[in-house]
Amino acid sequence: MLKLIVVIVTVDKTDEIIETARKAGATGATVIHEVRGEGLKASKTFLGLDFTSVRDAILFVAADGCAQDVMNGIQEVGGFDDNPGSGIAFQLAIEDAVGLRSQMPYILESMEDDT
């Protein structure tokens, strides 16, 4: 089974998160620049200017067996639990996907290593 790992993080951590996820078994990344969100408290503005830091959304596809390693690496680099507001990461099961032909040999190899 495949997992989609979604990470929302400050821009200064994007490259480090991608490098860590690749080392842990993610086969690629899609970065969506300059996303915005709010936590428990609404962001502060001054004269219509937003003071929240710019964030990136990073999407990874990983084999089920290495998805937790990817998540652990992301947590270690991002320090999300230690620094509230620094980011979030979560994973979802992928039921079906197309467009992964070039990555499938690596994904299948990773799945075989887990058995």
PDB file of N, CA and C in Angstrom:
ATOM      1  N   MET A   1       0.841  -1.173   0.000  1.00  0.00           N
ATOM      2  CA  MET A   1       0.000   0.000   0.000  1.00  0.00           C
ATOM      3  C   MET A   1       0.889   1.241   0.000  1.00  0.00           C
ATOM      4  N   LEU A   2       0.384   2.303  -0.591  1.00  0.00           N
ATOM      5  CA  LEU A   2       1.104   3.568  -0.644  1.00  0.00           C
ATOM      6  C   LEU A   2       0.493   4.560   0.336  1.00  0.00           C
ATOM      7  N   LYS A   3       1.318   5.482   0.785  1.00  0.00           N
ATOM      8  CA  LYS A   3       0.872   6.539   1.690  1.00  0.00           C
ATOM      9  C   LYS A   3       1.190   7.895   1.072  1.00  0.00           C
ATOM     10  N   LEU A   4       0.317   8.846   1.290  1.00  0.00           N
ATOM     11  CA  LEU A   4       0.570  10.235   0.953  1.00  0.00           C
ATOM     12  C   LEU A   4       0.919  10.930   2.254  1.00  0.00           C
ATOM     13  N   ILE A   5       2.094  11.527   2.294  1.00  0.00           N
ATOM     14  CA  ILE A   5       2.515  12.277   3.473  1.00  0.00           C
ATOM     15  C   ILE A   5       2.446  13.753   3.119  1.00  0.00           C
ATOM     16  N   VAL A   6       1.698  14.505   3.913  1.00  0.00           N
ATOM     17  CA  VAL A   6       1.513  15.933   3.703  1.00  0.00           C
ATOM     18  C   VAL A   6       2.222  16.663   4.830  1.00  0.00           C
ATOM     19  N   VAL A   7       3.065  17.610   4.457  1.00  0.00           N
ATOM     20  CA  VAL A   7       3.810  18.401   5.442  1.00  0.00           C
ATOM     21  C   VAL A   7       3.563  19.871   5.141  1.00  0.00           C
ATOM     22  N   ILE A   8       3.232  20.620   6.159  1.00  0.00           N
ATOM     23  CA  ILE A   8       3.120  22.068   6.027  1.00  0.00           C
ATOM     24  C   ILE A   8       4.136  22.663   6.988  1.00  0.00           C
ATOM     25  N   VAL A   9       5.073  23.422   6.416  1.00  0.00           N
ATOM     26  CA  VAL A   9       6.232  23.854   7.193  1.00  0.00           C
ATOM     27  C   VAL A   9       6.699  25.224   6.718  1.00  0.00           C
ATOM     28  N   THR A  10       7.418  25.935   7.582  1.00  0.00           N
ATOM     29  CA  THR A  10       7.986  27.219   7.176  1.00  0.00           C
ATOM     30  C   THR A  10       8.987  26.996   6.045  1.00  0.00           C
ATOM     31  N   VAL A  11       9.077  27.977   5.179  1.00  0.00           N
ATOM     32  CA  VAL A  11       9.885  27.868   3.962  1.00  0.00           C
ATOM     33  C   VAL A  11      11.340  27.524   4.269  1.00  0.00           C
ATOM     34  N   ASP A  12      11.873  28.019   5.352  1.00  0.00           N
ATOM     35  CA  ASP A  12      13.278  27.765   5.670  1.00  0.00           C
ATOM     36  C   ASP A  12      13.564  26.299   5.987  1.00  0.00           C
ATOM     37  N   LYS A  13      12.547  25.501   6.262  1.00  0.00           N
ATOM     38  CA  LYS A  13      12.722  24.069   6.565  1.00  0.00           C
ATOM     39  C   LYS A  13      12.434  23.160   5.374  1.00  0.00           C
ATOM     40  N   THR A  14      11.917  23.707   4.278  1.00  0.00           N
ATOM     41  CA  THR A  14      11.468  22.882   3.153  1.00  0.00           C
ATOM     42  C   THR A  14      12.560  21.968   2.618  1.00  0.00           C
ATOM     43  N   ASP A  15      13.707  22.504   2.282  1.00  0.00           N
ATOM     44  CA  ASP A  15      14.776  21.693   1.691  1.00  0.00           C
ATOM     45  C   ASP A  15      15.260  20.602   2.643  1.00  0.00           C
ATOM     46  N   GLU A  16      15.381  20.934   3.907  1.00  0.00           N
ATOM     47  CA  GLU A  16      15.833  19.956   4.902  1.00  0.00           C
ATOM     48  C   GLU A  16      14.802  18.837   5.085  1.00  0.00           C
ATOM     49  N   ILE A  17      13.532  19.185   5.073  1.00  0.00           N
ATOM     50  CA  ILE A  17      12.459  18.192   5.186  1.00  0.00           C
ATOM     51  C   ILE A  17      12.495  17.248   3.981  1.00  0.00           C
ATOM     52  N   ILE A  18      12.643  17.796   2.776  1.00  0.00           N
ATOM     53  CA  ILE A  18      12.691  16.968   1.571  1.00  0.00           C
ATOM     54  C   ILE A  18      13.886  16.024   1.607  1.00  0.00           C
ATOM     55  N   GLU A  19      15.039  16.531   1.964  1.00  0.00           N
ATOM     56  CA  GLU A  19      16.242  15.694   2.038  1.00  0.00           C
ATOM     57  C   GLU A  19      16.071  14.569   3.052  1.00  0.00           C
ATOM     58  N   THR A  20      15.511  14.881   4.198  1.00  0.00           N
ATOM     59  CA  THR A  20      15.292  13.873   5.243  1.00  0.00           C
ATOM     60  C   THR A  20      14.297  12.812   4.785  1.00  0.00           C
ATOM     61  N   ALA A  21      13.203  13.247   4.150  1.00  0.00           N
ATOM     62  CA  ALA A  21      12.187  12.303   3.679  1.00  0.00           C
ATOM     63  C   ALA A  21      12.751  11.379   2.605  1.00  0.00           C
ATOM     64  N   ARG A  22      13.561  11.911   1.706  1.00  0.00           N
ATOM     65  CA  ARG A  22      14.170  11.075   0.660  1.00  0.00           C
ATOM     66  C   ARG A  22      15.089  10.023   1.273  1.00  0.00           C
ATOM     67  N   LYS A  23      15.883  10.418   2.249  1.00  0.00           N
ATOM     68  CA  LYS A  23      16.786   9.472   2.914  1.00  0.00           C
ATOM     69  C   LYS A  23      16.008   8.362   3.613  1.00  0.00           C
ATOM     70  N   ALA A  24      14.793   8.684   4.062  1.00  0.00           N
ATOM     71  CA  ALA A  24      13.966   7.702   4.780  1.00  0.00           C
ATOM     72  C   ALA A  24      13.127   6.838   3.847  1.00  0.00           C
ATOM     73  N   GLY A  25      13.140   7.140   2.527  1.00  0.00           N
ATOM     74  CA  GLY A  25      12.437   6.269   1.594  1.00  0.00           C
ATOM     75  C   GLY A  25      11.394   6.915   0.713  1.00  0.00           C
ATOM     76  N   ALA A  26      11.107   8.197   0.881  1.00  0.00           N
ATOM     77  CA  ALA A  26      10.162   8.866  -0.017  1.00  0.00           C
ATOM     78  C   ALA A  26      10.796   8.944  -1.402  1.00  0.00           C
ATOM     79  N   THR A  27      10.003   8.703  -2.431  1.00  0.00           N
ATOM     80  CA  THR A  27      10.557   8.623  -3.785  1.00  0.00           C
ATOM     81  C   THR A  27      10.475   9.937  -4.555  1.00  0.00           C
ATOM     82  N   GLY A  28       9.876  10.944  -4.011  1.00  0.00           N
ATOM     83  CA  GLY A  28       9.775  12.229  -4.683  1.00  0.00           C
ATOM     84  C   GLY A  28       8.996  13.194  -3.827  1.00  0.00           C
ATOM     85  N   ALA A  29       8.950  14.438  -4.264  1.00  0.00           N
ATOM     86  CA  ALA A  29       8.233  15.452  -3.497  1.00  0.00           C
ATOM     87  C   ALA A  29       7.589  16.448  -4.444  1.00  0.00           C
ATOM     88  N   THR A  30       6.440  16.937  -4.043  1.00  0.00           N
ATOM     89  CA  THR A  30       5.781  18.037  -4.726  1.00  0.00           C
ATOM     90  C   THR A  30       5.658  19.162  -3.714  1.00  0.00           C
ATOM     91  N   VAL A  31       6.120  20.348  -4.085  1.00  0.00           N
ATOM     92  CA  VAL A  31       6.081  21.492  -3.180  1.00  0.00           C
ATOM     93  C   VAL A  31       5.082  22.511  -3.718  1.00  0.00           C
ATOM     94  N   ILE A  32       4.176  22.907  -2.863  1.00  0.00           N
ATOM     95  CA  ILE A  32       3.231  23.968  -3.175  1.00  0.00           C
ATOM     96  C   ILE A  32       3.657  25.161  -2.324  1.00  0.00           C
ATOM     97  N   HIS A  33       4.115  26.213  -2.990  1.00  0.00           N
ATOM     98  CA  HIS A  33       4.682  27.365  -2.290  1.00  0.00           C
ATOM     99  C   HIS A  33       3.623  28.312  -1.764  1.00  0.00           C
ATOM    100  N   GLU A  34       3.976  28.943  -0.677  1.00  0.00           N
ATOM    101  CA  GLU A  34       3.215  30.033  -0.076  1.00  0.00           C
ATOM    102  C   GLU A  34       1.771  29.680   0.257  1.00  0.00           C
ATOM    103  N   VAL A  35       1.609  28.653   1.077  1.00  0.00           N
ATOM    104  CA  VAL A  35       0.283  28.323   1.580  1.00  0.00           C
ATOM    105  C   VAL A  35       0.068  29.072   2.896  1.00  0.00           C
ATOM    106  N   ARG A  36      -1.161  29.193   3.301  1.00  0.00           N
ATOM    107  CA  ARG A  36      -1.481  29.923   4.515  1.00  0.00           C
ATOM    108  C   ARG A  36      -2.479  29.122   5.333  1.00  0.00           C
ATOM    109  N   GLY A  37      -2.347  29.183   6.628  1.00  0.00           N
ATOM    110  CA  GLY A  37      -3.276  28.503   7.504  1.00  0.00           C
ATOM    111  C   GLY A  37      -3.290  29.159   8.865  1.00  0.00           C
ATOM    112  N   GLU A  38      -4.186  28.697   9.700  1.00  0.00           N
ATOM    113  CA  GLU A  38      -4.288  29.221  11.056  1.00  0.00           C
ATOM    114  C   GLU A  38      -4.437  28.077  12.032  1.00  0.00           C
ATOM    115  N   GLY A  39      -3.871  28.247  13.201  1.00  0.00           N
ATOM    116  CA  GLY A  39      -3.987  27.276  14.268  1.00  0.00           C
ATOM    117  C   GLY A  39      -5.142  27.647  15.183  1.00  0.00           C
ATOM    118  N   LEU A  40      -4.949  27.443  16.472  1.00  0.00           N
ATOM    119  CA  LEU A  40      -5.994  27.738  17.450  1.00  0.00           C
ATOM    120  C   LEU A  40      -6.342  29.217  17.504  1.00  0.00           C
ATOM    121  N   LYS A  41      -5.325  30.051  17.307  1.00  0.00           N
ATOM    122  CA  LYS A  41      -5.546  31.488  17.381  1.00  0.00           C
ATOM    123  C   LYS A  41      -5.427  32.091  15.986  1.00  0.00           C
ATOM    124  N   ALA A  42      -6.309  33.023  15.683  1.00  0.00           N
ATOM    125  CA  ALA A  42      -6.249  33.707  14.385  1.00  0.00           C
ATOM    126  C   ALA A  42      -4.951  34.496  14.274  1.00  0.00           C
ATOM    127  N   SER A  43      -4.420  34.581  13.057  1.00  0.00           N
ATOM    128  CA  SER A  43      -3.179  35.325  12.849  1.00  0.00           C
ATOM    129  C   SER A  43      -3.432  36.819  13.026  1.00  0.00           C
ATOM    130  N   LYS A  44      -2.393  37.518  13.443  1.00  0.00           N
ATOM    131  CA  LYS A  44      -2.515  38.954  13.681  1.00  0.00           C
ATOM    132  C   LYS A  44      -2.218  39.715  12.406  1.00  0.00           C
ATOM    133  N   THR A  45      -2.941  40.797  12.243  1.00  0.00           N
ATOM    134  CA  THR A  45      -2.700  41.669  11.096  1.00  0.00           C
ATOM    135  C   THR A  45      -2.565  43.104  11.601  1.00  0.00           C
ATOM    136  N   PHE A  46      -1.919  43.908  10.790  1.00  0.00           N
ATOM    137  CA  PHE A  46      -1.786  45.333  11.095  1.00  0.00           C
ATOM    138  C   PHE A  46      -2.055  46.085   9.809  1.00  0.00           C
ATOM    139  N   LEU A  47      -3.109  46.852   9.775  1.00  0.00           N
ATOM    140  CA  LEU A  47      -3.508  47.597   8.581  1.00  0.00           C
ATOM    141  C   LEU A  47      -3.656  46.685   7.370  1.00  0.00           C
ATOM    142  N   GLY A  48      -4.177  45.494   7.612  1.00  0.00           N
ATOM    143  CA  GLY A  48      -4.412  44.552   6.517  1.00  0.00           C
ATOM    144  C   GLY A  48      -3.204  43.715   6.136  1.00  0.00           C
ATOM    145  N   LEU A  49      -2.049  43.938   6.757  1.00  0.00           N
ATOM    146  CA  LEU A  49      -0.848  43.142   6.477  1.00  0.00           C
ATOM    147  C   LEU A  49      -0.801  41.935   7.406  1.00  0.00           C
ATOM    148  N   ASP A  50      -0.525  40.801   6.859  1.00  0.00           N
ATOM    149  CA  ASP A  50      -0.497  39.544   7.613  1.00  0.00           C
ATOM    150  C   ASP A  50       0.918  39.302   8.140  1.00  0.00           C
ATOM    151  N   PHE A  51       1.040  38.981   9.426  1.00  0.00           N
ATOM    152  CA  PHE A  51       2.349  38.752  10.031  1.00  0.00           C
ATOM    153  C   PHE A  51       2.722  37.281  10.161  1.00  0.00           C
ATOM    154  N   THR A  52       1.953  36.392   9.568  1.00  0.00           N
ATOM    155  CA  THR A  52       2.289  34.979   9.637  1.00  0.00           C
ATOM    156  C   THR A  52       3.429  34.674   8.679  1.00  0.00           C
ATOM    157  N   SER A  53       4.260  33.707   9.034  1.00  0.00           N
ATOM    158  CA  SER A  53       5.387  33.350   8.172  1.00  0.00           C
ATOM    159  C   SER A  53       4.895  32.564   6.959  1.00  0.00           C
ATOM    160  N   VAL A  54       5.623  32.707   5.878  1.00  0.00           N
ATOM    161  CA  VAL A  54       5.278  31.996   4.654  1.00  0.00           C
ATOM    162  C   VAL A  54       5.576  30.512   4.856  1.00  0.00           C
ATOM    163  N   ARG A  55       4.669  29.669   4.369  1.00  0.00           N
ATOM    164  CA  ARG A  55       4.817  28.221   4.520  1.00  0.00           C
ATOM    165  C   ARG A  55       4.713  27.539   3.167  1.00  0.00           C
ATOM    166  N   ASP A  56       5.270  26.349   3.127  1.00  0.00           N
ATOM    167  CA  ASP A  56       5.156  25.480   1.963  1.00  0.00           C
ATOM    168  C   ASP A  56       4.384  24.232   2.357  1.00  0.00           C
ATOM    169  N   ALA A  57       3.620  23.691   1.428  1.00  0.00           N
ATOM    170  CA  ALA A  57       3.007  22.370   1.588  1.00  0.00           C
ATOM    171  C   ALA A  57       3.838  21.414   0.751  1.00  0.00           C
ATOM    172  N   ILE A  58       4.289  20.339   1.358  1.00  0.00           N
ATOM    173  CA  ILE A  58       5.120  19.351   0.676  1.00  0.00           C
ATOM    174  C   ILE A  58       4.373  18.027   0.679  1.00  0.00           C
ATOM    175  N   LEU A  59       4.260  17.417  -0.498  1.00  0.00           N
ATOM    176  CA  LEU A  59       3.561  16.140  -0.643  1.00  0.00           C
ATOM    177  C   LEU A  59       4.573  15.064  -1.021  1.00  0.00           C
ATOM    178  N   PHE A  60       4.544  13.957  -0.306  1.00  0.00           N
ATOM    179  CA  PHE A  60       5.418  12.816  -0.572  1.00  0.00           C
ATOM    180  C   PHE A  60       4.570  11.575  -0.798  1.00  0.00           C
ATOM    181  N   VAL A  61       5.028  10.683  -1.665  1.00  0.00           N
ATOM    182  CA  VAL A  61       4.453   9.354  -1.797  1.00  0.00           C
ATOM    183  C   VAL A  61       5.487   8.382  -1.265  1.00  0.00           C
ATOM    184  N   ALA A  62       5.056   7.489  -0.390  1.00  0.00           N
ATOM    185  CA  ALA A  62       5.976   6.519   0.207  1.00  0.00           C
ATOM    186  C   ALA A  62       5.276   5.174   0.345  1.00  0.00           C
ATOM    187  N   ALA A  63       6.052   4.116   0.279  1.00  0.00           N
ATOM    188  CA  ALA A  63       5.527   2.785   0.551  1.00  0.00           C
ATOM    189  C   ALA A  63       5.126   2.714   2.020  1.00  0.00           C
ATOM    190  N   ASP A  64       4.116   1.943   2.314  1.00  0.00           N
ATOM    191  CA  ASP A  64       3.592   1.819   3.671  1.00  0.00           C
ATOM    192  C   ASP A  64       4.697   1.488   4.670  1.00  0.00           C
ATOM    193  N   GLY A  65       5.614   0.624   4.278  1.00  0.00           N
ATOM    194  CA  GLY A  65       6.660   0.173   5.194  1.00  0.00           C
ATOM    195  C   GLY A  65       7.650   1.238   5.606  1.00  0.00           C
ATOM    196  N   CYS A  66       7.869   2.232   4.775  1.00  0.00           N
ATOM    197  CA  CYS A  66       8.832   3.277   5.127  1.00  0.00           C
ATOM    198  C   CYS A  66       8.144   4.595   5.506  1.00  0.00           C
ATOM    199  N   ALA A  67       6.827   4.650   5.411  1.00  0.00           N
ATOM    200  CA  ALA A  67       6.107   5.897   5.705  1.00  0.00           C
ATOM    201  C   ALA A  67       6.347   6.368   7.137  1.00  0.00           C
ATOM    202  N   GLN A  68       6.382   5.449   8.095  1.00  0.00           N
ATOM    203  CA  GLN A  68       6.612   5.869   9.481  1.00  0.00           C
ATOM    204  C   GLN A  68       8.027   6.380   9.671  1.00  0.00           C
ATOM    205  N   ASP A  69       9.009   5.796   8.957  1.00  0.00           N
ATOM    206  CA  ASP A  69      10.380   6.310   9.017  1.00  0.00           C
ATOM    207  C   ASP A  69      10.443   7.729   8.463  1.00  0.00           C
ATOM    208  N   VAL A  70       9.710   7.969   7.383  1.00  0.00           N
ATOM    209  CA  VAL A  70       9.648   9.314   6.802  1.00  0.00           C
ATOM    210  C   VAL A  70       9.032  10.277   7.821  1.00  0.00           C
ATOM    211  N   MET A  71       7.933   9.884   8.425  1.00  0.00           N
ATOM    212  CA  MET A  71       7.271  10.739   9.418  1.00  0.00           C
ATOM    213  C   MET A  71       8.193  11.027  10.608  1.00  0.00           C
ATOM    214  N   ASN A  72       8.897  10.005  11.081  1.00  0.00           N
ATOM    215  CA  ASN A  72       9.808  10.196  12.212  1.00  0.00           C
ATOM    216  C   ASN A  72      10.926  11.170  11.863  1.00  0.00           C
ATOM    217  N   GLY A  73      11.480  11.030  10.653  1.00  0.00           N
ATOM    218  CA  GLY A  73      12.530  11.948  10.214  1.00  0.00           C
ATOM    219  C   GLY A  73      12.028  13.375  10.095  1.00  0.00           C
ATOM    220  N   ILE A  74      10.825  13.525   9.543  1.00  0.00           N
ATOM    221  CA  ILE A  74      10.224  14.855   9.409  1.00  0.00           C
ATOM    222  C   ILE A  74      10.003  15.471  10.782  1.00  0.00           C
ATOM    223  N   GLN A  75       9.514  14.686  11.722  1.00  0.00           N
ATOM    224  CA  GLN A  75       9.284  15.185  13.083  1.00  0.00           C
ATOM    225  C   GLN A  75      10.591  15.628  13.725  1.00  0.00           C
ATOM    226  N   GLU A  76      11.645  14.842  13.535  1.00  0.00           N
ATOM    227  CA  GLU A  76      12.937  15.176  14.135  1.00  0.00           C
ATOM    228  C   GLU A  76      13.477  16.492  13.571  1.00  0.00           C
ATOM    229  N   VAL A  77      13.417  16.652  12.266  1.00  0.00           N
ATOM    230  CA  VAL A  77      13.927  17.866  11.616  1.00  0.00           C
ATOM    231  C   VAL A  77      13.027  19.062  11.899  1.00  0.00           C
ATOM    232  N   GLY A  78      11.723  18.857  11.809  1.00  0.00           N
ATOM    233  CA  GLY A  78      10.781  19.962  11.973  1.00  0.00           C
ATOM    234  C   GLY A  78      10.532  20.352  13.410  1.00  0.00           C
ATOM    235  N   GLY A  79      10.653  19.396  14.330  1.00  0.00           N
ATOM    236  CA  GLY A  79      10.401  19.673  15.737  1.00  0.00           C
ATOM    237  C   GLY A  79       8.998  20.190  16.002  1.00  0.00           C
ATOM    238  N   PHE A  80       8.021  19.659  15.287  1.00  0.00           N
ATOM    239  CA  PHE A  80       6.657  20.178  15.361  1.00  0.00           C
ATOM    240  C   PHE A  80       6.053  20.090  16.754  1.00  0.00           C
ATOM    241  N   ASP A  81       6.294  19.006  17.467  1.00  0.00           N
ATOM    242  CA  ASP A  81       5.717  18.868  18.806  1.00  0.00           C
ATOM    243  C   ASP A  81       6.431  19.749  19.833  1.00  0.00           C
ATOM    244  N   ASP A  82       7.704  20.051  19.582  1.00  0.00           N
ATOM    245  CA  ASP A  82       8.480  20.869  20.514  1.00  0.00           C
ATOM    246  C   ASP A  82       8.255  22.361  20.317  1.00  0.00           C
ATOM    247  N   ASN A  83       7.887  22.752  19.108  1.00  0.00           N
ATOM    248  CA  ASN A  83       7.721  24.168  18.772  1.00  0.00           C
ATOM    249  C   ASN A  83       6.345  24.406  18.157  1.00  0.00           C
ATOM    250  N   PRO A  84       5.325  24.651  18.976  1.00  0.00           N
ATOM    251  CA  PRO A  84       3.984  24.866  18.437  1.00  0.00           C
ATOM    252  C   PRO A  84       3.973  25.952  17.362  1.00  0.00           C
ATOM    253  N   GLY A  85       3.242  25.687  16.288  1.00  0.00           N
ATOM    254  CA  GLY A  85       3.146  26.640  15.198  1.00  0.00           C
ATOM    255  C   GLY A  85       4.230  26.474  14.148  1.00  0.00           C
ATOM    256  N   SER A  86       5.165  25.529  14.371  1.00  0.00           N
ATOM    257  CA  SER A  86       6.270  25.366  13.416  1.00  0.00           C
ATOM    258  C   SER A  86       5.891  24.512  12.216  1.00  0.00           C
ATOM    259  N   GLY A  87       4.819  23.747  12.311  1.00  0.00           N
ATOM    260  CA  GLY A  87       4.392  22.946  11.176  1.00  0.00           C
ATOM    261  C   GLY A  87       3.561  21.756  11.601  1.00  0.00           C
ATOM    262  N   ILE A  88       3.165  20.996  10.610  1.00  0.00           N
ATOM    263  CA  ILE A  88       2.347  19.799  10.831  1.00  0.00           C
ATOM    264  C   ILE A  88       2.671  18.793   9.739  1.00  0.00           C
ATOM    265  N   ALA A  89       2.542  17.531  10.063  1.00  0.00           N
ATOM    266  CA  ALA A  89       2.701  16.459   9.074  1.00  0.00           C
ATOM    267  C   ALA A  89       1.680  15.377   9.386  1.00  0.00           C
ATOM    268  N   PHE A  90       1.109  14.797   8.327  1.00  0.00           N
ATOM    269  CA  PHE A  90       0.182  13.687   8.504  1.00  0.00           C
ATOM    270  C   PHE A  90       0.238  12.809   7.269  1.00  0.00           C
ATOM    271  N   GLN A  91      -0.240  11.581   7.426  1.00  0.00           N
ATOM    272  CA  GLN A  91      -0.231  10.650   6.300  1.00  0.00           C
ATOM    273  C   GLN A  91      -1.629  10.091   6.052  1.00  0.00           C
ATOM    274  N   LEU A  92      -1.888   9.812   4.777  1.00  0.00           N
ATOM    275  CA  LEU A  92      -3.161   9.258   4.342  1.00  0.00           C
ATOM    276  C   LEU A  92      -2.886   8.061   3.446  1.00  0.00           C
ATOM    277  N   ALA A  93      -3.777   7.084   3.471  1.00  0.00           N
ATOM    278  CA  ALA A  93      -3.649   5.932   2.580  1.00  0.00           C
ATOM    279  C   ALA A  93      -4.029   6.352   1.161  1.00  0.00           C
ATOM    280  N   ILE A  94      -3.282   5.865   0.196  1.00  0.00           N
ATOM    281  CA  ILE A  94      -3.591   6.113  -1.213  1.00  0.00           C
ATOM    282  C   ILE A  94      -4.301   4.870  -1.734  1.00  0.00           C
ATOM    283  N   GLU A  95      -5.507   5.059  -2.186  1.00  0.00           N
ATOM    284  CA  GLU A  95      -6.289   3.934  -2.696  1.00  0.00           C
ATOM    285  C   GLU A  95      -5.869   3.571  -4.114  1.00  0.00           C
ATOM    286  N   ASP A  96      -5.587   4.578  -4.927  1.00  0.00           N
ATOM    287  CA  ASP A  96      -5.215   4.352  -6.316  1.00  0.00           C
ATOM    288  C   ASP A  96      -4.393   5.543  -6.783  1.00  0.00           C
ATOM    289  N   ALA A  97      -3.498   5.326  -7.722  1.00  0.00           N
ATOM    290  CA  ALA A  97      -2.676   6.421  -8.247  1.00  0.00           C
ATOM    291  C   ALA A  97      -2.227   6.101  -9.655  1.00  0.00           C
ATOM    292  N   VAL A  98      -2.077   7.123 -10.463  1.00  0.00           N
ATOM    293  CA  VAL A  98      -1.496   7.000 -11.792  1.00  0.00           C
ATOM    294  C   VAL A  98      -0.361   8.015 -11.876  1.00  0.00           C
ATOM    295  N   GLY A  99       0.528   7.817 -12.833  1.00  0.00           N
ATOM    296  CA  GLY A  99       1.635   8.744 -13.011  1.00  0.00           C
ATOM    297  C   GLY A  99       2.855   8.423 -12.177  1.00  0.00           C
ATOM    298  N   LEU A 100       2.896   7.226 -11.615  1.00  0.00           N
ATOM    299  CA  LEU A 100       4.036   6.839 -10.777  1.00  0.00           C
ATOM    300  C   LEU A 100       4.940   5.811 -11.459  1.00  0.00           C
ATOM    301  N   ARG A 101       4.788   5.631 -12.757  1.00  0.00           N
ATOM    302  CA  ARG A 101       5.510   4.571 -13.456  1.00  0.00           C
ATOM    303  C   ARG A 101       7.016   4.646 -13.225  1.00  0.00           C
ATOM    304  N   SER A 102       7.601   5.831 -13.288  1.00  0.00           N
ATOM    305  CA  SER A 102       9.049   5.952 -13.116  1.00  0.00           C
ATOM    306  C   SER A 102       9.491   5.653 -11.686  1.00  0.00           C
ATOM    307  N   GLN A 103       8.596   5.820 -10.721  1.00  0.00           N
ATOM    308  CA  GLN A 103       8.939   5.586  -9.323  1.00  0.00           C
ATOM    309  C   GLN A 103       8.605   4.169  -8.852  1.00  0.00           C
ATOM    310  N   MET A 104       7.774   3.465  -9.599  1.00  0.00           N
ATOM    311  CA  MET A 104       7.298   2.153  -9.142  1.00  0.00           C
ATOM    312  C   MET A 104       8.402   1.153  -8.832  1.00  0.00           C
ATOM    313  N   PRO A 105       9.481   1.051  -9.624  1.00  0.00           N
ATOM    314  CA  PRO A 105      10.526   0.088  -9.246  1.00  0.00           C
ATOM    315  C   PRO A 105      11.085   0.342  -7.843  1.00  0.00           C
ATOM    316  N   TYR A 106      11.264   1.600  -7.482  1.00  0.00           N
ATOM    317  CA  TYR A 106      11.781   1.936  -6.157  1.00  0.00           C
ATOM    318  C   TYR A 106      10.752   1.678  -5.069  1.00  0.00           C
ATOM    319  N   ILE A 107       9.499   1.997  -5.365  1.00  0.00           N
ATOM    320  CA  ILE A 107       8.431   1.753  -4.393  1.00  0.00           C
ATOM    321  C   ILE A 107       8.261   0.254  -4.157  1.00  0.00           C
ATOM    322  N   LEU A 108       8.235  -0.521  -5.231  1.00  0.00           N
ATOM    323  CA  LEU A 108       8.082  -1.979  -5.093  1.00  0.00           C
ATOM    324  C   LEU A 108       9.266  -2.592  -4.356  1.00  0.00           C
ATOM    325  N   GLU A 109      10.462  -2.104  -4.633  1.00  0.00           N
ATOM    326  CA  GLU A 109      11.650  -2.604  -3.929  1.00  0.00           C
ATOM    327  C   GLU A 109      11.541  -2.319  -2.430  1.00  0.00           C
ATOM    328  N   SER A 110      11.070  -1.136  -2.102  1.00  0.00           N
ATOM    329  CA  SER A 110      10.885  -0.757  -0.704  1.00  0.00           C
ATOM    330  C   SER A 110       9.840  -1.650  -0.046  1.00  0.00           C
ATOM    331  N   MET A 111       8.781  -1.988  -0.781  1.00  0.00           N
ATOM    332  CA  MET A 111       7.734  -2.855  -0.234  1.00  0.00           C
ATOM    333  C   MET A 111       8.256  -4.280  -0.019  1.00  0.00           C
ATOM    334  N   GLU A 112       9.111  -4.740  -0.929  1.00  0.00           N
ATOM    335  CA  GLU A 112       9.684  -6.088  -0.794  1.00  0.00           C
ATOM    336  C   GLU A 112      10.627  -6.162   0.398  1.00  0.00           C
ATOM    337  N   ASP A 113      11.355  -5.081   0.647  1.00  0.00           N
ATOM    338  CA  ASP A 113      12.276  -5.049   1.790  1.00  0.00           C
ATOM    339  C   ASP A 113      11.550  -5.180   3.109  1.00  0.00           C
ATOM    340  N   ASP A 114      10.283  -4.782   3.141  1.00  0.00           N
ATOM    341  CA  ASP A 114       9.499  -4.814   4.381  1.00  0.00           C
ATOM    342  C   ASP A 114       8.932  -6.181   4.679  1.00  0.00           C
ATOM    343  N   THR A 115       8.944  -7.093   3.691  1.00  0.00           N
ATOM    344  CA  THR A 115       8.351  -8.411   3.945  1.00  0.00           C
ATOM    345  C   THR A 115       9.363  -9.395   4.446  1.00  0.00           C
TER     346      THR A 115
END
